[in-house]
């Protein structure tokens, strides 16, 4: 079975070396984010969590508003 590195090399093919380095850095960062626990994620991304909660609340309240006004 092919390793992740060899599969990435096949996908990158003829890209310039600087692009390959950036792609490898992005892969390392993605792997680190996937390994975060729930608590680590909450501490690392408080603004994203707040934005998600705000947007979700707005959508939910819009649904209630539609039911209350039309009924």
N, C-alpha and C. Protein backbone atom coordinates (compact mmCIF):
# COMPACT_ATOMS: atom_id res chain seq x y z
N UNK A 1 0.85 -1.18 0.00
CA UNK A 1 0.00 0.00 0.00
C UNK A 1 0.89 1.24 0.00
N UNK A 2 0.49 2.26 -0.75
CA UNK A 2 1.28 3.47 -0.86
C UNK A 2 1.14 4.32 0.40
N UNK A 3 2.22 4.98 0.75
CA UNK A 3 2.18 5.87 1.91
C UNK A 3 1.61 7.20 1.50
N UNK A 4 1.24 8.02 2.50
CA UNK A 4 0.68 9.35 2.23
C UNK A 4 1.67 10.21 1.47
N UNK A 5 2.96 10.09 1.81
CA UNK A 5 3.97 10.90 1.15
C UNK A 5 4.09 10.53 -0.32
N UNK A 6 4.11 9.24 -0.62
CA UNK A 6 4.23 8.84 -2.02
C UNK A 6 2.98 9.21 -2.81
N UNK A 7 1.81 9.13 -2.18
CA UNK A 7 0.58 9.54 -2.86
C UNK A 7 0.61 11.04 -3.12
N UNK A 8 1.10 11.84 -2.15
CA UNK A 8 1.20 13.28 -2.35
C UNK A 8 2.17 13.59 -3.48
N UNK A 9 3.30 12.86 -3.55
CA UNK A 9 4.27 13.08 -4.61
C UNK A 9 3.65 12.80 -5.97
N UNK A 10 2.82 11.76 -6.06
CA UNK A 10 2.16 11.44 -7.32
C UNK A 10 1.19 12.55 -7.72
N UNK A 11 0.45 13.09 -6.76
CA UNK A 11 -0.51 14.14 -7.05
C UNK A 11 0.19 15.43 -7.46
N UNK A 12 1.33 15.73 -6.83
CA UNK A 12 2.02 16.99 -7.08
C UNK A 12 2.75 16.97 -8.41
N UNK A 13 3.18 15.81 -8.82
CA UNK A 13 3.79 15.64 -10.13
C UNK A 13 4.83 16.66 -10.49
N UNK A 14 4.49 17.56 -11.42
CA UNK A 14 5.46 18.48 -11.98
C UNK A 14 5.36 19.90 -11.41
N UNK A 15 4.85 20.05 -10.21
CA UNK A 15 4.80 21.36 -9.59
C UNK A 15 6.20 21.85 -9.25
N UNK A 16 6.39 23.16 -9.23
CA UNK A 16 7.69 23.69 -8.80
C UNK A 16 7.97 23.30 -7.35
N UNK A 17 9.26 23.26 -7.00
CA UNK A 17 9.66 22.81 -5.68
C UNK A 17 9.05 23.67 -4.57
N UNK A 18 8.94 24.98 -4.77
CA UNK A 18 8.38 25.86 -3.74
C UNK A 18 6.91 25.53 -3.48
N UNK A 19 6.16 25.17 -4.52
CA UNK A 19 4.76 24.78 -4.34
C UNK A 19 4.65 23.47 -3.58
N UNK A 20 5.58 22.55 -3.85
CA UNK A 20 5.57 21.27 -3.14
C UNK A 20 5.84 21.49 -1.66
N UNK A 21 6.75 22.40 -1.35
CA UNK A 21 7.07 22.70 0.06
C UNK A 21 5.86 23.30 0.75
N UNK A 22 5.17 24.23 0.10
CA UNK A 22 3.98 24.84 0.69
C UNK A 22 2.88 23.80 0.90
N UNK A 23 2.74 22.90 -0.06
CA UNK A 23 1.73 21.85 0.05
C UNK A 23 2.06 20.92 1.22
N UNK A 24 3.33 20.59 1.39
CA UNK A 24 3.73 19.72 2.51
C UNK A 24 3.49 20.43 3.84
N UNK A 25 3.78 21.74 3.90
CA UNK A 25 3.51 22.51 5.13
C UNK A 25 2.02 22.53 5.44
N UNK A 26 1.21 22.68 4.42
CA UNK A 26 -0.25 22.68 4.61
C UNK A 26 -0.71 21.32 5.11
N UNK A 27 -0.14 20.26 4.59
CA UNK A 27 -0.52 18.91 5.02
C UNK A 27 -0.15 18.69 6.49
N UNK A 28 1.02 19.17 6.90
CA UNK A 28 1.44 19.05 8.30
C UNK A 28 0.49 19.83 9.21
N UNK A 29 0.11 21.05 8.80
CA UNK A 29 -0.82 21.85 9.60
C UNK A 29 -2.18 21.19 9.69
N UNK A 30 -2.64 20.61 8.60
CA UNK A 30 -3.93 19.91 8.60
C UNK A 30 -3.89 18.71 9.54
N UNK A 31 -2.81 17.97 9.50
CA UNK A 31 -2.68 16.81 10.39
C UNK A 31 -2.68 17.24 11.86
N UNK A 32 -2.01 18.35 12.16
CA UNK A 32 -1.99 18.84 13.55
C UNK A 32 -3.40 19.25 14.00
N UNK A 33 -4.15 19.91 13.13
CA UNK A 33 -5.51 20.31 13.47
C UNK A 33 -6.41 19.10 13.68
N UNK A 34 -6.22 18.05 12.91
CA UNK A 34 -7.04 16.85 13.05
C UNK A 34 -6.72 16.12 14.34
N UNK A 35 -5.53 16.32 14.88
CA UNK A 35 -5.13 15.64 16.12
C UNK A 35 -5.53 16.42 17.37
N UNK A 36 -6.12 17.61 17.24
CA UNK A 36 -6.51 18.40 18.40
C UNK A 36 -7.68 17.72 19.13
N UNK A 37 -7.63 17.80 20.45
CA UNK A 37 -8.77 17.32 21.24
C UNK A 37 -9.85 18.40 21.23
N UNK A 38 -11.00 18.09 21.80
CA UNK A 38 -12.10 19.04 21.85
C UNK A 38 -11.69 20.29 22.62
N UNK A 39 -11.09 20.11 23.79
CA UNK A 39 -10.70 21.25 24.62
C UNK A 39 -9.64 22.10 23.92
N UNK A 40 -8.68 21.44 23.28
CA UNK A 40 -7.64 22.18 22.55
C UNK A 40 -8.26 22.98 21.39
N UNK A 41 -9.24 22.40 20.74
CA UNK A 41 -9.92 23.10 19.65
C UNK A 41 -10.69 24.31 20.16
N UNK A 42 -11.36 24.15 21.29
CA UNK A 42 -12.11 25.27 21.86
C UNK A 42 -11.18 26.42 22.23
N UNK A 43 -10.02 26.09 22.75
CA UNK A 43 -9.05 27.13 23.12
C UNK A 43 -8.38 27.76 21.90
N UNK A 44 -8.20 26.97 20.85
CA UNK A 44 -7.49 27.46 19.68
C UNK A 44 -8.36 28.35 18.77
N UNK A 45 -9.66 28.10 18.75
CA UNK A 45 -10.54 28.80 17.81
C UNK A 45 -11.76 29.43 18.48
N UNK A 46 -11.58 30.30 19.48
CA UNK A 46 -12.75 30.87 20.15
C UNK A 46 -13.58 31.79 19.25
N UNK A 47 -12.94 32.53 18.35
CA UNK A 47 -13.69 33.43 17.47
C UNK A 47 -14.53 32.65 16.47
N UNK A 48 -14.00 31.57 15.96
CA UNK A 48 -14.76 30.74 15.01
C UNK A 48 -15.96 30.11 15.70
N UNK A 49 -15.78 29.69 16.93
CA UNK A 49 -16.88 29.09 17.69
C UNK A 49 -17.96 30.14 17.97
N UNK A 50 -17.53 31.33 18.37
CA UNK A 50 -18.50 32.40 18.64
C UNK A 50 -19.27 32.76 17.37
N UNK A 51 -18.58 32.87 16.25
CA UNK A 51 -19.24 33.20 14.98
C UNK A 51 -20.24 32.11 14.61
N UNK A 52 -19.86 30.87 14.77
CA UNK A 52 -20.76 29.76 14.44
C UNK A 52 -22.01 29.78 15.32
N UNK A 53 -21.82 30.03 16.61
CA UNK A 53 -22.97 30.09 17.53
C UNK A 53 -23.88 31.27 17.18
N UNK A 54 -23.30 32.41 16.85
CA UNK A 54 -24.08 33.60 16.49
C UNK A 54 -24.90 33.34 15.23
N UNK A 55 -24.26 32.79 14.22
CA UNK A 55 -24.96 32.52 12.96
C UNK A 55 -26.05 31.46 13.15
N UNK A 56 -25.75 30.42 13.91
CA UNK A 56 -26.75 29.38 14.17
C UNK A 56 -27.95 29.94 14.92
N UNK A 57 -27.69 30.79 15.90
CA UNK A 57 -28.77 31.40 16.67
C UNK A 57 -29.62 32.29 15.77
N UNK A 58 -28.98 33.03 14.88
CA UNK A 58 -29.73 33.90 13.96
C UNK A 58 -30.65 33.08 13.05
N UNK A 59 -30.16 31.96 12.56
CA UNK A 59 -30.98 31.11 11.69
C UNK A 59 -32.15 30.52 12.46
N UNK A 60 -31.89 30.06 13.68
CA UNK A 60 -32.96 29.49 14.50
C UNK A 60 -34.02 30.56 14.82
N UNK A 61 -33.57 31.75 15.19
CA UNK A 61 -34.52 32.82 15.52
C UNK A 61 -35.31 33.26 14.29
N UNK A 62 -34.71 33.21 13.12
CA UNK A 62 -35.44 33.54 11.90
C UNK A 62 -36.58 32.54 11.68
N UNK A 63 -36.33 31.29 11.97
CA UNK A 63 -37.38 30.27 11.86
C UNK A 63 -38.51 30.52 12.83
N UNK A 64 -38.17 30.87 14.07
CA UNK A 64 -39.22 31.18 15.05
C UNK A 64 -40.00 32.43 14.65
N UNK A 65 -39.29 33.42 14.12
CA UNK A 65 -39.95 34.67 13.71
C UNK A 65 -40.99 34.38 12.63
N UNK A 66 -40.64 33.56 11.68
CA UNK A 66 -41.56 33.22 10.59
C UNK A 66 -42.82 32.53 11.14
N UNK A 67 -42.65 31.66 12.11
CA UNK A 67 -43.79 30.96 12.68
C UNK A 67 -44.66 31.92 13.52
N UNK A 68 -44.01 32.79 14.30
CA UNK A 68 -44.76 33.69 15.17
C UNK A 68 -45.52 34.77 14.41
N UNK A 69 -44.90 35.33 13.37
CA UNK A 69 -45.53 36.42 12.63
C UNK A 69 -46.68 35.91 11.75
N UNK A 70 -46.50 34.75 11.13
CA UNK A 70 -47.54 34.27 10.23
C UNK A 70 -48.70 33.58 10.97
N UNK A 71 -48.49 33.22 12.22
CA UNK A 71 -49.51 32.45 12.93
C UNK A 71 -50.36 33.31 13.76
